[in-house]
Amino acid sequence: MPTHTPQRSEQLQQGLQNYALFIRRGRELNGLSQQNLHIFFRILLINIYNSQLSHMEQGKLILKPATFLELEKGNFAIDDKKNIPPTQKDFSKEVREKFLQATPYLNVDGEVCDATDFFRIFVGIDELHKSYLTKGVEMTQEMAHRCSVYDRNIFRGFCEEKMLDRGEAWEKMLPEIEKVMPQKKQREHFRLICAGLEEWSLPEIKSYTKNGTIEVCPVNQMFSKVMKRKMPDCMTVWTKGDQIKYSQLQPLR
């Protein structure tokens, strides 16, 4: 039920405020609206509504036990990409893509939240994961360009080191790429970026970087696993990616 009365316990009041930030920032980092989540939950028959989300984000909703269970269902559905519904009325291809890229709500240890985690945050027992407290870097079109050049240079350097043509190198990387980019369209776009025929757009980079808040880049993790090289941190790629050469990367020990 909505409440406009401060909680008597300082811990409960802090929990309510943290929970409001938690729900709002988690949604914003994925580029989703309250209505997007409402439609997603409605399709999957999960009893979470946009009015509830609005009140949660304002710190004005005292949640019932059943709501934490519904939040768990919704969060697990976001985490398991097999649960993302097909496109349909009010659930466009663009919105579906956002859910395919979305990060579920995380507990303080960076694990996917279950009902208990949602409750512990709500009542002020647990702190928020750092990703909800970090102010993101303002991503720009120039940063998107630097990321494109970086990916291209690293891919081409790998080809040269292993004496592979681009097709052979792509096939060697493909099993790991599929883990990062489950959609064929995503993989084809990335292939063309590596080939120098396309570039990352600013909306794509904002989505992949969670509006400049990620500390670990899934594409860099994939590069590192395949190439056995230590990759630069996200900020270095965003600001100097076009200057980084494959030959500068140190082997993993």
C-alpha atoms as a PDB file:
ATOM      1  CA  MET A   1       0.000   0.000   0.000  1.00  0.00           C
ATOM      2  CA  PRO A   2       1.229   3.544  -0.736  1.00  0.00           C
ATOM      3  CA  THR A   3       2.522   5.533   2.220  1.00  0.00           C
ATOM      4  CA  HIS A   4       3.475   9.165   2.670  1.00  0.00           C
ATOM      5  CA  THR A   5       4.459   8.697   6.321  1.00  0.00           C
ATOM      6  CA  PRO A   6       8.165   8.316   7.204  1.00  0.00           C
ATOM      7  CA  GLN A   7       8.994   4.972   8.823  1.00  0.00           C
ATOM      8  CA  ARG A   8       9.516   5.059  12.577  1.00  0.00           C
ATOM      9  CA  SER A   9      12.706   3.019  12.351  1.00  0.00           C
ATOM     10  CA  GLU A  10      15.712   4.781  10.840  1.00  0.00           C
ATOM     11  CA  GLN A  11      16.793   1.480   9.274  1.00  0.00           C
ATOM     12  CA  LEU A  12      13.409   0.939   7.643  1.00  0.00           C
ATOM     13  CA  GLN A  13      13.305   4.504   6.339  1.00  0.00           C
ATOM     14  CA  GLN A  14      16.798   4.128   4.851  1.00  0.00           C
ATOM     15  CA  GLY A  15      15.772   0.796   3.360  1.00  0.00           C
ATOM     16  CA  LEU A  16      12.740   2.377   1.720  1.00  0.00           C
ATOM     17  CA  GLN A  17      14.897   5.137   0.225  1.00  0.00           C
ATOM     18  CA  ASN A  18      17.566   2.692  -0.952  1.00  0.00           C
ATOM     19  CA  TYR A  19      14.906   0.486  -2.485  1.00  0.00           C
ATOM     20  CA  ALA A  20      13.482   3.407  -4.452  1.00  0.00           C
ATOM     21  CA  LEU A  21      16.950   4.146  -5.881  1.00  0.00           C
ATOM     22  CA  PHE A  22      17.554   0.436  -6.498  1.00  0.00           C
ATOM     23  CA  ILE A  23      14.395  -0.089  -8.552  1.00  0.00           C
ATOM     24  CA  ARG A  24      14.778   3.159 -10.500  1.00  0.00           C
ATOM     25  CA  ARG A  25      18.501   2.852 -11.275  1.00  0.00           C
ATOM     26  CA  GLY A  26      18.175  -0.807 -12.255  1.00  0.00           C
ATOM     27  CA  ARG A  27      15.490   0.127 -14.772  1.00  0.00           C
ATOM     28  CA  GLU A  28      17.347   3.182 -16.097  1.00  0.00           C
ATOM     29  CA  LEU A  29      20.636   1.324 -16.554  1.00  0.00           C
ATOM     30  CA  ASN A  30      18.833  -1.020 -18.938  1.00  0.00           C
ATOM     31  CA  GLY A  31      17.184   1.834 -20.834  1.00  0.00           C
ATOM     32  CA  LEU A  32      13.708   0.579 -19.921  1.00  0.00           C
ATOM     33  CA  SER A  33      10.578   2.515 -19.019  1.00  0.00           C
ATOM     34  CA  GLN A  34       8.113   1.564 -16.300  1.00  0.00           C
ATOM     35  CA  GLN A  35       5.667   0.706 -19.072  1.00  0.00           C
ATOM     36  CA  ASN A  36       8.221  -1.605 -20.724  1.00  0.00           C
ATOM     37  CA  LEU A  37       8.530  -3.564 -17.492  1.00  0.00           C
ATOM     38  CA  HIS A  38       4.773  -3.553 -16.978  1.00  0.00           C
ATOM     39  CA  ILE A  39       4.173  -5.079 -20.433  1.00  0.00           C
ATOM     40  CA  PHE A  40       6.972  -7.614 -19.935  1.00  0.00           C
ATOM     41  CA  PHE A  41       5.504  -8.741 -16.622  1.00  0.00           C
ATOM     42  CA  ARG A  42       1.973  -8.809 -18.038  1.00  0.00           C
ATOM     43  CA  ILE A  43       3.000 -11.108 -20.906  1.00  0.00           C
ATOM     44  CA  LEU A  44       4.648 -13.494 -18.445  1.00  0.00           C
ATOM     45  CA  LEU A  45       1.660 -13.334 -16.053  1.00  0.00           C
ATOM     46  CA  ILE A  46       3.742 -11.753 -13.295  1.00  0.00           C
ATOM     47  CA  ASN A  47       1.756  -9.528 -10.950  1.00  0.00           C
ATOM     48  CA  ILE A  48       3.838  -6.354 -11.007  1.00  0.00           C
ATOM     49  CA  TYR A  49       2.192  -3.246 -12.450  1.00  0.00           C
ATOM     50  CA  ASN A  50       3.417   0.163 -13.605  1.00  0.00           C
ATOM     51  CA  SER A  51       1.577   1.887 -10.753  1.00  0.00           C
ATOM     52  CA  GLN A  52       3.480  -0.295  -8.272  1.00  0.00           C
ATOM     53  CA  LEU A  53       6.776   0.424  -9.994  1.00  0.00           C
ATOM     54  CA  SER A  54       6.054   4.149  -9.859  1.00  0.00           C
ATOM     55  CA  HIS A  55       5.334   4.027  -6.131  1.00  0.00           C
ATOM     56  CA  MET A  56       8.399   1.843  -5.484  1.00  0.00           C
ATOM     57  CA  GLU A  57      10.635   4.347  -7.268  1.00  0.00           C
ATOM     58  CA  GLN A  58       9.205   7.146  -5.149  1.00  0.00           C
ATOM     59  CA  GLY A  59       9.698   5.210  -1.919  1.00  0.00           C
ATOM     60  CA  LYS A  60       5.954   5.289  -1.286  1.00  0.00           C
ATOM     61  CA  LEU A  61       4.985   1.626  -1.399  1.00  0.00           C
ATOM     62  CA  ILE A  62       4.989  -0.796   1.529  1.00  0.00           C
ATOM     63  CA  LEU A  63       5.314  -4.188  -0.149  1.00  0.00           C
ATOM     64  CA  LYS A  64       3.411  -7.337   0.749  1.00  0.00           C
ATOM     65  CA  PRO A  65       5.312 -10.658   1.031  1.00  0.00           C
ATOM     66  CA  ALA A  66       3.772 -11.947  -2.224  1.00  0.00           C
ATOM     67  CA  THR A  67       5.225  -8.959  -4.110  1.00  0.00           C
ATOM     68  CA  PHE A  68       8.786 -10.044  -3.315  1.00  0.00           C
ATOM     69  CA  LEU A  69       8.004 -13.444  -4.832  1.00  0.00           C
ATOM     70  CA  GLU A  70       6.631 -11.781  -7.968  1.00  0.00           C
ATOM     71  CA  LEU A  71       9.743  -9.594  -8.204  1.00  0.00           C
ATOM     72  CA  GLU A  72      11.863 -12.732  -8.025  1.00  0.00           C
ATOM     73  CA  LYS A  73       9.915 -14.297 -10.920  1.00  0.00           C
ATOM     74  CA  GLY A  74      10.348 -11.175 -13.008  1.00  0.00           C
ATOM     75  CA  ASN A  75      14.043 -10.832 -12.204  1.00  0.00           C
ATOM     76  CA  PHE A  76      14.784 -14.474 -13.023  1.00  0.00           C
ATOM     77  CA  ALA A  77      12.911 -14.022 -16.316  1.00  0.00           C
ATOM     78  CA  ILE A  78      15.129 -11.060 -17.203  1.00  0.00           C
ATOM     79  CA  ASP A  79      18.226 -13.081 -16.320  1.00  0.00           C
ATOM     80  CA  ASP A  80      17.261 -16.165 -18.350  1.00  0.00           C
ATOM     81  CA  LYS A  81      17.117 -14.856 -21.909  1.00  0.00           C
ATOM     82  CA  LYS A  82      15.109 -17.915 -22.985  1.00  0.00           C
ATOM     83  CA  ASN A  83      12.186 -16.336 -21.121  1.00  0.00           C
ATOM     84  CA  ILE A  84      12.170 -13.134 -23.186  1.00  0.00           C
ATOM     85  CA  PRO A  85       8.842 -13.158 -25.087  1.00  0.00           C
ATOM     86  CA  PRO A  86       8.669 -12.795 -28.881  1.00  0.00           C
ATOM     87  CA  THR A  87       7.667  -9.455 -30.380  1.00  0.00           C
ATOM     88  CA  GLN A  88       3.945  -8.738 -30.136  1.00  0.00           C
ATOM     89  CA  LYS A  89       1.522  -5.916 -29.469  1.00  0.00           C
ATOM     90  CA  ASP A  90       3.094  -3.332 -27.132  1.00  0.00           C
ATOM     91  CA  PHE A  91       6.346  -5.370 -27.121  1.00  0.00           C
ATOM     92  CA  SER A  92       8.308  -4.167 -30.134  1.00  0.00           C
ATOM     93  CA  LYS A  93      11.522  -5.518 -31.591  1.00  0.00           C
ATOM     94  CA  GLU A  94      13.400  -2.555 -30.113  1.00  0.00           C
ATOM     95  CA  VAL A  95      12.021  -3.169 -26.611  1.00  0.00           C
ATOM     96  CA  ARG A  96      12.692  -6.903 -26.877  1.00  0.00           C
ATOM     97  CA  GLU A  97      16.308  -6.145 -27.776  1.00  0.00           C
ATOM     98  CA  LYS A  98      16.634  -4.065 -24.613  1.00  0.00           C
ATOM     99  CA  PHE A  99      15.473  -7.015 -22.517  1.00  0.00           C
ATOM    100  CA  LEU A 100      17.902  -9.329 -24.314  1.00  0.00           C
ATOM    101  CA  GLN A 101      20.711  -6.973 -23.271  1.00  0.00           C
ATOM    102  CA  ALA A 102      19.307  -6.205 -19.806  1.00  0.00           C
ATOM    103  CA  THR A 103      21.107  -6.968 -16.568  1.00  0.00           C
ATOM    104  CA  PRO A 104      18.807  -8.333 -13.833  1.00  0.00           C
ATOM    105  CA  TYR A 105      18.635  -6.680 -10.418  1.00  0.00           C
ATOM    106  CA  LEU A 106      21.721  -7.627  -8.392  1.00  0.00           C
ATOM    107  CA  ASN A 107      22.252  -8.034  -4.657  1.00  0.00           C
ATOM    108  CA  VAL A 108      25.143  -6.437  -2.775  1.00  0.00           C
ATOM    109  CA  ASP A 109      27.450  -9.305  -3.820  1.00  0.00           C
ATOM    110  CA  GLY A 110      26.620  -8.928  -7.511  1.00  0.00           C
ATOM    111  CA  GLU A 111      24.395 -12.016  -7.666  1.00  0.00           C
ATOM    112  CA  VAL A 112      20.943 -12.114  -9.250  1.00  0.00           C
ATOM    113  CA  CYS A 113      18.370 -11.018  -6.653  1.00  0.00           C
ATOM    114  CA  ASP A 114      15.838 -13.521  -5.365  1.00  0.00           C
ATOM    115  CA  ALA A 115      12.842 -12.735  -3.154  1.00  0.00           C
ATOM    116  CA  THR A 116      14.980 -12.747   0.003  1.00  0.00           C
ATOM    117  CA  ASP A 117      17.441 -10.270  -1.480  1.00  0.00           C
ATOM    118  CA  PHE A 118      14.643  -7.907  -2.508  1.00  0.00           C
ATOM    119  CA  PHE A 119      13.246  -8.095   1.028  1.00  0.00           C
ATOM    120  CA  ARG A 120      16.628  -7.548   2.734  1.00  0.00           C
ATOM    121  CA  ILE A 121      17.245  -4.411   0.676  1.00  0.00           C
ATOM    122  CA  PHE A 122      13.712  -3.157   1.300  1.00  0.00           C
ATOM    123  CA  VAL A 123      13.985  -3.392   5.099  1.00  0.00           C
ATOM    124  CA  GLY A 124      17.490  -1.923   5.194  1.00  0.00           C
ATOM    125  CA  ILE A 125      19.438  -5.060   6.116  1.00  0.00           C
ATOM    126  CA  ASP A 126      21.523  -5.134   2.926  1.00  0.00           C
ATOM    127  CA  GLU A 127      23.300  -2.294   1.156  1.00  0.00           C
ATOM    128  CA  LEU A 128      22.987  -1.715  -2.593  1.00  0.00           C
ATOM    129  CA  HIS A 129      25.367  -3.140  -5.152  1.00  0.00           C
ATOM    130  CA  LYS A 130      27.881  -0.497  -6.226  1.00  0.00           C
ATOM    131  CA  SER A 131      26.497  -0.350  -9.777  1.00  0.00           C
ATOM    132  CA  TYR A 132      23.367   1.373  -8.451  1.00  0.00           C
ATOM    133  CA  LEU A 133      25.430   4.003  -6.644  1.00  0.00           C
ATOM    134  CA  THR A 134      27.889   4.812  -9.421  1.00  0.00           C
ATOM    135  CA  LYS A 135      27.232   7.811 -11.597  1.00  0.00           C
ATOM    136  CA  GLY A 136      27.816   6.784 -15.181  1.00  0.00           C
ATOM    137  CA  VAL A 137      30.217   8.321 -17.688  1.00  0.00           C
ATOM    138  CA  GLU A 138      28.449  10.437 -20.304  1.00  0.00           C
ATOM    139  CA  MET A 139      28.918   8.381 -23.470  1.00  0.00           C
ATOM    140  CA  THR A 140      29.459  10.271 -26.726  1.00  0.00           C
ATOM    141  CA  GLN A 141      29.506   9.531 -30.449  1.00  0.00           C
ATOM    142  CA  GLU A 142      33.293   9.894 -30.381  1.00  0.00           C
ATOM    143  CA  MET A 143      33.476   7.186 -27.728  1.00  0.00           C
ATOM    144  CA  ALA A 144      31.330   4.929 -29.917  1.00  0.00           C
ATOM    145  CA  HIS A 145      33.809   5.538 -32.754  1.00  0.00           C
ATOM    146  CA  ARG A 146      36.785   4.740 -30.502  1.00  0.00           C
ATOM    147  CA  CYS A 147      35.155   1.471 -29.445  1.00  0.00           C
ATOM    148  CA  SER A 148      34.610   0.555 -33.102  1.00  0.00           C
ATOM    149  CA  VAL A 149      38.240   1.247 -34.016  1.00  0.00           C
ATOM    150  CA  TYR A 150      39.422  -0.621 -30.920  1.00  0.00           C
ATOM    151  CA  ASP A 151      37.412  -3.753 -31.758  1.00  0.00           C
ATOM    152  CA  ARG A 152      38.647  -3.617 -35.346  1.00  0.00           C
ATOM    153  CA  ASN A 153      42.310  -3.205 -34.367  1.00  0.00           C
ATOM    154  CA  ILE A 154      42.216  -5.997 -31.799  1.00  0.00           C
ATOM    155  CA  PHE A 155      40.509  -8.381 -34.210  1.00  0.00           C
ATOM    156  CA  ARG A 156      42.959  -7.622 -37.022  1.00  0.00           C
ATOM    157  CA  GLY A 157      45.940  -7.948 -34.691  1.00  0.00           C
ATOM    158  CA  PHE A 158      44.733 -11.385 -33.654  1.00  0.00           C
ATOM    159  CA  CYS A 159      44.434 -12.385 -37.317  1.00  0.00           C
ATOM    160  CA  GLU A 160      48.006 -11.293 -37.992  1.00  0.00           C
ATOM    161  CA  GLU A 161      49.457 -12.982 -34.914  1.00  0.00           C
ATOM    162  CA  LYS A 162      47.801 -16.325 -35.676  1.00  0.00           C
ATOM    163  CA  MET A 163      48.313 -15.994 -39.439  1.00  0.00           C
ATOM    164  CA  LEU A 164      44.586 -16.432 -40.019  1.00  0.00           C
ATOM    165  CA  ASP A 165      42.403 -14.796 -42.602  1.00  0.00           C
ATOM    166  CA  ARG A 166      39.452 -12.867 -41.183  1.00  0.00           C
ATOM    167  CA  GLY A 167      36.957 -15.646 -41.857  1.00  0.00           C
ATOM    168  CA  GLU A 168      39.099 -18.209 -40.033  1.00  0.00           C
ATOM    169  CA  ALA A 169      39.632 -15.878 -37.083  1.00  0.00           C
ATOM    170  CA  TRP A 170      35.912 -15.166 -36.874  1.00  0.00           C
ATOM    171  CA  GLU A 171      35.064 -18.887 -36.809  1.00  0.00           C
ATOM    172  CA  LYS A 172      37.642 -19.431 -34.069  1.00  0.00           C
ATOM    173  CA  MET A 173      36.072 -16.666 -31.970  1.00  0.00           C
ATOM    174  CA  LEU A 174      32.448 -17.492 -32.771  1.00  0.00           C
ATOM    175  CA  PRO A 175      31.695 -19.892 -29.853  1.00  0.00           C
ATOM    176  CA  GLU A 176      32.643 -17.167 -27.363  1.00  0.00           C
ATOM    177  CA  ILE A 177      30.990 -14.388 -29.388  1.00  0.00           C
ATOM    178  CA  GLU A 178      27.701 -16.317 -29.276  1.00  0.00           C
ATOM    179  CA  LYS A 179      27.798 -16.208 -25.468  1.00  0.00           C
ATOM    180  CA  VAL A 180      28.077 -12.409 -25.508  1.00  0.00           C
ATOM    181  CA  MET A 181      25.799 -11.789 -28.498  1.00  0.00           C
ATOM    182  CA  PRO A 182      23.043 -14.419 -28.611  1.00  0.00           C
ATOM    183  CA  GLN A 183      21.196 -12.817 -31.512  1.00  0.00           C
ATOM    184  CA  LYS A 184      22.376 -13.484 -35.076  1.00  0.00           C
ATOM    185  CA  LYS A 185      21.762  -9.839 -36.016  1.00  0.00           C
ATOM    186  CA  GLN A 186      24.051  -8.690 -33.190  1.00  0.00           C
ATOM    187  CA  ARG A 187      26.815 -11.032 -34.291  1.00  0.00           C
ATOM    188  CA  GLU A 188      26.561  -9.953 -37.928  1.00  0.00           C
ATOM    189  CA  HIS A 189      26.763  -6.291 -36.917  1.00  0.00           C
ATOM    190  CA  PHE A 190      29.839  -7.021 -34.790  1.00  0.00           C
ATOM    191  CA  ARG A 191      31.424  -8.975 -37.661  1.00  0.00           C
ATOM    192  CA  LEU A 192      30.983  -5.971 -39.946  1.00  0.00           C
ATOM    193  CA  ILE A 193      32.445  -3.688 -37.277  1.00  0.00           C
ATOM    194  CA  CYS A 194      35.512  -5.919 -37.069  1.00  0.00           C
ATOM    195  CA  ALA A 195      35.703  -5.839 -40.874  1.00  0.00           C
ATOM    196  CA  GLY A 196      35.607  -2.038 -40.893  1.00  0.00           C
ATOM    197  CA  LEU A 197      32.298  -1.832 -42.725  1.00  0.00           C
ATOM    198  CA  GLU A 198      30.096  -0.625 -39.846  1.00  0.00           C
ATOM    199  CA  GLU A 199      30.481   1.151 -36.499  1.00  0.00           C
ATOM    200  CA  TRP A 200      28.833   1.097 -33.106  1.00  0.00           C
ATOM    201  CA  SER A 201      26.069   3.675 -32.802  1.00  0.00           C
ATOM    202  CA  LEU A 202      25.778   5.880 -29.730  1.00  0.00           C
ATOM    203  CA  PRO A 203      22.510   4.189 -28.569  1.00  0.00           C
ATOM    204  CA  GLU A 204      24.199   0.780 -28.873  1.00  0.00           C
ATOM    205  CA  ILE A 205      27.209   1.855 -26.827  1.00  0.00           C
ATOM    206  CA  LYS A 206      24.962   3.378 -24.168  1.00  0.00           C
ATOM    207  CA  SER A 207      23.056   0.100 -23.988  1.00  0.00           C
ATOM    208  CA  TYR A 208      26.121  -2.160 -23.898  1.00  0.00           C
ATOM    209  CA  THR A 209      27.865  -0.015 -21.267  1.00  0.00           C
ATOM    210  CA  LYS A 210      24.730   0.499 -19.159  1.00  0.00           C
ATOM    211  CA  ASN A 211      25.072   4.243 -19.709  1.00  0.00           C
ATOM    212  CA  GLY A 212      28.768   4.258 -18.893  1.00  0.00           C
ATOM    213  CA  THR A 213      28.517   2.381 -15.583  1.00  0.00           C
ATOM    214  CA  ILE A 214      30.007  -1.041 -16.358  1.00  0.00           C
ATOM    215  CA  GLU A 215      33.439  -1.913 -15.013  1.00  0.00           C
ATOM    216  CA  VAL A 216      33.871  -5.117 -17.018  1.00  0.00           C
ATOM    217  CA  CYS A 217      33.140  -5.229 -20.760  1.00  0.00           C
ATOM    218  CA  PRO A 218      31.705  -8.542 -22.045  1.00  0.00           C
ATOM    219  CA  VAL A 219      33.350  -8.025 -25.455  1.00  0.00           C
ATOM    220  CA  ASN A 220      36.715  -7.456 -23.791  1.00  0.00           C
ATOM    221  CA  GLN A 221      36.209 -10.575 -21.674  1.00  0.00           C
ATOM    222  CA  MET A 222      35.534 -12.516 -24.859  1.00  0.00           C
ATOM    223  CA  PHE A 223      38.652 -11.096 -26.536  1.00  0.00           C
ATOM    224  CA  SER A 224      40.747 -11.974 -23.495  1.00  0.00           C
ATOM    225  CA  LYS A 225      39.476 -15.538 -23.305  1.00  0.00           C
ATOM    226  CA  VAL A 226      40.093 -16.231 -26.993  1.00  0.00           C
ATOM    227  CA  MET A 227      43.341 -14.299 -27.428  1.00  0.00           C
ATOM    228  CA  LYS A 228      44.916 -15.005 -24.017  1.00  0.00           C
ATOM    229  CA  ARG A 229      45.782 -11.337 -23.631  1.00  0.00           C
ATOM    230  CA  LYS A 230      45.150  -8.801 -20.872  1.00  0.00           C
ATOM    231  CA  MET A 231      42.691  -6.206 -22.144  1.00  0.00           C
ATOM    232  CA  PRO A 232      42.510  -2.520 -21.110  1.00  0.00           C
ATOM    233  CA  ASP A 233      39.825  -1.323 -18.711  1.00  0.00           C
ATOM    234  CA  CYS A 234      36.576   0.163 -19.965  1.00  0.00           C
ATOM    235  CA  MET A 235      37.522   3.803 -19.410  1.00  0.00           C
ATOM    236  CA  THR A 236      40.721   3.378 -21.413  1.00  0.00           C
ATOM    237  CA  VAL A 237      38.794   1.861 -24.317  1.00  0.00           C
ATOM    238  CA  TRP A 238      36.166   4.623 -24.213  1.00  0.00           C
ATOM    239  CA  THR A 239      38.721   7.441 -24.156  1.00  0.00           C
ATOM    240  CA  LYS A 240      41.754   6.007 -26.019  1.00  0.00           C
ATOM    241  CA  GLY A 241      40.457   2.919 -27.794  1.00  0.00           C
ATOM    242  CA  ASP A 242      41.422   4.156 -31.251  1.00  0.00           C
ATOM    243  CA  GLN A 243      45.079   4.363 -30.124  1.00  0.00           C
ATOM    244  CA  ILE A 244      45.372   0.842 -28.723  1.00  0.00           C
ATOM    245  CA  LYS A 245      47.166  -1.764 -30.819  1.00  0.00           C
ATOM    246  CA  TYR A 246      47.069  -5.531 -30.401  1.00  0.00           C
ATOM    247  CA  SER A 247      50.860  -5.645 -30.067  1.00  0.00           C
ATOM    248  CA  GLN A 248      50.608  -3.524 -26.907  1.00  0.00           C
ATOM    249  CA  LEU A 249      48.504  -6.126 -25.075  1.00  0.00           C
ATOM    250  CA  GLN A 250      50.344  -8.258 -22.545  1.00  0.00           C
ATOM    251  CA  PRO A 251      49.928 -12.064 -22.516  1.00  0.00           C
ATOM    252  CA  LEU A 252      47.901 -13.508 -19.660  1.00  0.00           C
ATOM    253  CA  ARG A 253      50.053 -15.178 -17.014  1.00  0.00           C
END
